[in-house]
């Protein structure tokens, strides 16, 4: 999988697991309820592999902006994304993405922003995560 495919798979996973639309670098078509927009950030290789090698171990940074019509909806969406990405259940991750030939080794919650007005009748929270993804061993 190349970087674009990884980003698309992560956005699709977040949409399915959160049961809310998550757009990739733009708002999803359905913004009638709470939703999120995922912005891919810096990718760092942590095993000395080539940055262009899709099957070396890499750390992917993501900024995820969560939106709602009021503070409560926005906060709920931010919490839901956190639960999908970091949540545990019976000692295992509560949710796993499908990453053709790759696996998600670790997940890190970096920051959760405050819920702030983002226009008329819209609130936003800006959250940051890092995911380590590499080949299945």
C-alpha atoms as a PDB file:
ATOM      1  CA  UNK A   1       0.000   0.000   0.000  1.00  0.00           C
ATOM      2  CA  UNK A   2       1.260   3.475  -0.766  1.00  0.00           C
ATOM      3  CA  UNK A   3       0.691   6.507   1.462  1.00  0.00           C
ATOM      4  CA  UNK A   4      -2.538   7.522  -0.275  1.00  0.00           C
ATOM      5  CA  UNK A   5      -3.949   4.016   0.102  1.00  0.00           C
ATOM      6  CA  UNK A   6      -3.028   3.926   3.801  1.00  0.00           C
ATOM      7  CA  UNK A   7      -4.702   7.311   4.361  1.00  0.00           C
ATOM      8  CA  UNK A   8      -7.831   6.191   2.490  1.00  0.00           C
ATOM      9  CA  UNK A   9      -7.969   2.945   4.509  1.00  0.00           C
ATOM     10  CA  UNK A  10      -7.613   4.834   7.821  1.00  0.00           C
ATOM     11  CA  UNK A  11     -10.365   7.320   6.844  1.00  0.00           C
ATOM     12  CA  UNK A  12     -12.659   4.442   5.780  1.00  0.00           C
ATOM     13  CA  UNK A  13     -11.967   2.613   9.063  1.00  0.00           C
ATOM     14  CA  UNK A  14     -12.765   5.737  11.101  1.00  0.00           C
ATOM     15  CA  UNK A  15     -16.006   6.244   9.144  1.00  0.00           C
ATOM     16  CA  UNK A  16     -17.120   2.653   9.663  1.00  0.00           C
ATOM     17  CA  UNK A  17     -16.076   2.298  13.302  1.00  0.00           C
ATOM     18  CA  UNK A  18     -17.334   5.729  14.429  1.00  0.00           C
ATOM     19  CA  UNK A  19     -20.569   5.383  12.451  1.00  0.00           C
ATOM     20  CA  UNK A  20     -20.085   8.975  11.313  1.00  0.00           C
ATOM     21  CA  UNK A  21     -18.629  10.375   8.087  1.00  0.00           C
ATOM     22  CA  UNK A  22     -14.890  11.140   8.021  1.00  0.00           C
ATOM     23  CA  UNK A  23     -13.505  13.072   5.069  1.00  0.00           C
ATOM     24  CA  UNK A  24      -9.928  12.868   3.855  1.00  0.00           C
ATOM     25  CA  UNK A  25      -8.520  16.428   3.751  1.00  0.00           C
ATOM     26  CA  UNK A  26     -12.011  17.800   3.008  1.00  0.00           C
ATOM     27  CA  UNK A  27     -15.463  17.700   4.555  1.00  0.00           C
ATOM     28  CA  UNK A  28     -17.479  14.576   3.761  1.00  0.00           C
ATOM     29  CA  UNK A  29     -20.609  14.922   1.638  1.00  0.00           C
ATOM     30  CA  UNK A  30     -22.911  14.367   4.629  1.00  0.00           C
ATOM     31  CA  UNK A  31     -22.420  17.119   7.208  1.00  0.00           C
ATOM     32  CA  UNK A  32     -25.962  16.955   8.584  1.00  0.00           C
ATOM     33  CA  UNK A  33     -24.688  15.285  11.771  1.00  0.00           C
ATOM     34  CA  UNK A  34     -21.371  15.330  13.616  1.00  0.00           C
ATOM     35  CA  UNK A  35     -18.439  14.446  11.344  1.00  0.00           C
ATOM     36  CA  UNK A  36     -14.654  14.612  11.093  1.00  0.00           C
ATOM     37  CA  UNK A  37     -12.000  15.628   8.596  1.00  0.00           C
ATOM     38  CA  UNK A  38      -8.682  13.760   8.671  1.00  0.00           C
ATOM     39  CA  UNK A  39      -5.547  15.598   7.507  1.00  0.00           C
ATOM     40  CA  UNK A  40      -2.484  13.418   6.845  1.00  0.00           C
ATOM     41  CA  UNK A  41       0.726  14.796   8.318  1.00  0.00           C
ATOM     42  CA  UNK A  42       4.390  13.850   8.346  1.00  0.00           C
ATOM     43  CA  UNK A  43       5.454  10.233   7.830  1.00  0.00           C
ATOM     44  CA  UNK A  44       8.663   9.111   9.543  1.00  0.00           C
ATOM     45  CA  UNK A  45      10.492   5.831   8.960  1.00  0.00           C
ATOM     46  CA  UNK A  46      11.625   4.326  12.260  1.00  0.00           C
ATOM     47  CA  UNK A  47      13.429   1.208  11.042  1.00  0.00           C
ATOM     48  CA  UNK A  48      15.855   2.876   8.670  1.00  0.00           C
ATOM     49  CA  UNK A  49      13.732   1.878   5.670  1.00  0.00           C
ATOM     50  CA  UNK A  50      13.276   3.998   2.580  1.00  0.00           C
ATOM     51  CA  UNK A  51      10.448   6.538   2.865  1.00  0.00           C
ATOM     52  CA  UNK A  52       9.112   5.315  -0.486  1.00  0.00           C
ATOM     53  CA  UNK A  53       9.089   1.653   0.587  1.00  0.00           C
ATOM     54  CA  UNK A  54       5.443   0.880   1.348  1.00  0.00           C
ATOM     55  CA  UNK A  55       6.446  -2.088   3.496  1.00  0.00           C
ATOM     56  CA  UNK A  56       8.922  -0.500   5.891  1.00  0.00           C
ATOM     57  CA  UNK A  57       7.854   0.535   9.394  1.00  0.00           C
ATOM     58  CA  UNK A  58       6.563   4.089   9.466  1.00  0.00           C
ATOM     59  CA  UNK A  59       4.955   6.483  11.890  1.00  0.00           C
ATOM     60  CA  UNK A  60       2.005   8.367  10.374  1.00  0.00           C
ATOM     61  CA  UNK A  61       0.829  11.653  11.918  1.00  0.00           C
ATOM     62  CA  UNK A  62      -2.804  12.701  11.551  1.00  0.00           C
ATOM     63  CA  UNK A  63      -4.754  15.799  12.524  1.00  0.00           C
ATOM     64  CA  UNK A  64      -8.419  15.036  12.905  1.00  0.00           C
ATOM     65  CA  UNK A  65     -10.840  17.948  13.084  1.00  0.00           C
ATOM     66  CA  UNK A  66     -14.178  17.000  14.636  1.00  0.00           C
ATOM     67  CA  UNK A  67     -17.307  19.046  13.933  1.00  0.00           C
ATOM     68  CA  UNK A  68     -20.770  19.334  15.407  1.00  0.00           C
ATOM     69  CA  UNK A  69     -23.728  21.693  15.357  1.00  0.00           C
ATOM     70  CA  UNK A  70     -23.149  22.438  19.053  1.00  0.00           C
ATOM     71  CA  UNK A  71     -20.465  21.844  21.693  1.00  0.00           C
ATOM     72  CA  UNK A  72     -22.022  18.563  22.807  1.00  0.00           C
ATOM     73  CA  UNK A  73     -22.093  17.047  19.283  1.00  0.00           C
ATOM     74  CA  UNK A  74     -18.526  18.164  18.615  1.00  0.00           C
ATOM     75  CA  UNK A  75     -17.264  16.794  21.915  1.00  0.00           C
ATOM     76  CA  UNK A  76     -19.079  13.501  21.280  1.00  0.00           C
ATOM     77  CA  UNK A  77     -17.433  13.167  17.844  1.00  0.00           C
ATOM     78  CA  UNK A  78     -13.983  13.884  19.269  1.00  0.00           C
ATOM     79  CA  UNK A  79     -14.542  11.270  21.990  1.00  0.00           C
ATOM     80  CA  UNK A  80     -15.804   8.750  19.434  1.00  0.00           C
ATOM     81  CA  UNK A  81     -12.696   9.134  17.244  1.00  0.00           C
ATOM     82  CA  UNK A  82     -10.503   8.775  20.353  1.00  0.00           C
ATOM     83  CA  UNK A  83     -12.369   5.599  21.307  1.00  0.00           C
ATOM     84  CA  UNK A  84     -11.939   4.117  17.811  1.00  0.00           C
ATOM     85  CA  UNK A  85      -8.228   4.925  17.596  1.00  0.00           C
ATOM     86  CA  UNK A  86      -7.110   4.286  21.184  1.00  0.00           C
ATOM     87  CA  UNK A  87      -9.951   2.345  22.841  1.00  0.00           C
ATOM     88  CA  UNK A  88      -9.292  -1.034  24.465  1.00  0.00           C
ATOM     89  CA  UNK A  89     -11.678  -3.915  25.113  1.00  0.00           C
ATOM     90  CA  UNK A  90     -10.730  -7.027  27.080  1.00  0.00           C
ATOM     91  CA  UNK A  91      -7.014  -6.271  26.663  1.00  0.00           C
ATOM     92  CA  UNK A  92      -7.199  -5.872  22.881  1.00  0.00           C
ATOM     93  CA  UNK A  93      -7.802  -2.883  20.655  1.00  0.00           C
ATOM     94  CA  UNK A  94     -11.524  -2.167  20.377  1.00  0.00           C
ATOM     95  CA  UNK A  95     -11.193  -1.637  16.623  1.00  0.00           C
ATOM     96  CA  UNK A  96      -8.697  -2.593  13.894  1.00  0.00           C
ATOM     97  CA  UNK A  97      -8.309  -1.175  10.374  1.00  0.00           C
ATOM     98  CA  UNK A  98      -7.958  -3.307   7.244  1.00  0.00           C
ATOM     99  CA  UNK A  99      -4.523  -2.501   5.813  1.00  0.00           C
ATOM    100  CA  UNK A 100      -3.723  -4.928   2.992  1.00  0.00           C
ATOM    101  CA  UNK A 101      -0.439  -6.623   4.011  1.00  0.00           C
ATOM    102  CA  UNK A 102       0.251  -4.068   6.749  1.00  0.00           C
ATOM    103  CA  UNK A 103      -0.539  -3.914  10.437  1.00  0.00           C
ATOM    104  CA  UNK A 104      -1.033  -1.151  12.978  1.00  0.00           C
ATOM    105  CA  UNK A 105       1.701  -1.675  15.602  1.00  0.00           C
ATOM    106  CA  UNK A 106       1.000   1.159  17.998  1.00  0.00           C
ATOM    107  CA  UNK A 107      -1.250   4.158  18.384  1.00  0.00           C
ATOM    108  CA  UNK A 108      -0.601   7.420  20.173  1.00  0.00           C
ATOM    109  CA  UNK A 109      -2.960  10.183  21.164  1.00  0.00           C
ATOM    110  CA  UNK A 110      -0.901  13.389  20.939  1.00  0.00           C
ATOM    111  CA  UNK A 111      -3.349  16.183  21.702  1.00  0.00           C
ATOM    112  CA  UNK A 112      -7.014  17.011  21.996  1.00  0.00           C
ATOM    113  CA  UNK A 113      -7.981  20.599  21.322  1.00  0.00           C
ATOM    114  CA  UNK A 114     -10.742  22.587  22.945  1.00  0.00           C
ATOM    115  CA  UNK A 115     -14.211  22.698  21.417  1.00  0.00           C
ATOM    116  CA  UNK A 116     -14.478  26.115  19.785  1.00  0.00           C
ATOM    117  CA  UNK A 117     -16.915  27.917  17.491  1.00  0.00           C
ATOM    118  CA  UNK A 118     -16.004  27.408  13.821  1.00  0.00           C
ATOM    119  CA  UNK A 119     -18.664  29.455  12.085  1.00  0.00           C
ATOM    120  CA  UNK A 120     -22.397  29.903  12.414  1.00  0.00           C
ATOM    121  CA  UNK A 121     -23.916  26.886  14.182  1.00  0.00           C
ATOM    122  CA  UNK A 122     -20.690  24.861  13.924  1.00  0.00           C
ATOM    123  CA  UNK A 123     -18.131  23.860  16.548  1.00  0.00           C
ATOM    124  CA  UNK A 124     -14.724  22.246  15.990  1.00  0.00           C
ATOM    125  CA  UNK A 125     -12.130  20.352  17.995  1.00  0.00           C
ATOM    126  CA  UNK A 126      -8.663  19.735  16.545  1.00  0.00           C
ATOM    127  CA  UNK A 127      -7.088  16.469  17.713  1.00  0.00           C
ATOM    128  CA  UNK A 128      -3.760  14.843  16.818  1.00  0.00           C
ATOM    129  CA  UNK A 129      -2.691  11.205  16.630  1.00  0.00           C
ATOM    130  CA  UNK A 130       0.295   9.138  15.500  1.00  0.00           C
ATOM    131  CA  UNK A 131      -0.026   5.580  14.148  1.00  0.00           C
ATOM    132  CA  UNK A 132       2.875   3.148  13.572  1.00  0.00           C
ATOM    133  CA  UNK A 133       2.192   1.003  10.535  1.00  0.00           C
ATOM    134  CA  UNK A 134       4.408  -1.682   9.047  1.00  0.00           C
ATOM    135  CA  UNK A 135       4.466  -5.059   7.330  1.00  0.00           C
ATOM    136  CA  UNK A 136       2.713  -8.018   8.906  1.00  0.00           C
ATOM    137  CA  UNK A 137       5.398 -10.163  10.565  1.00  0.00           C
END
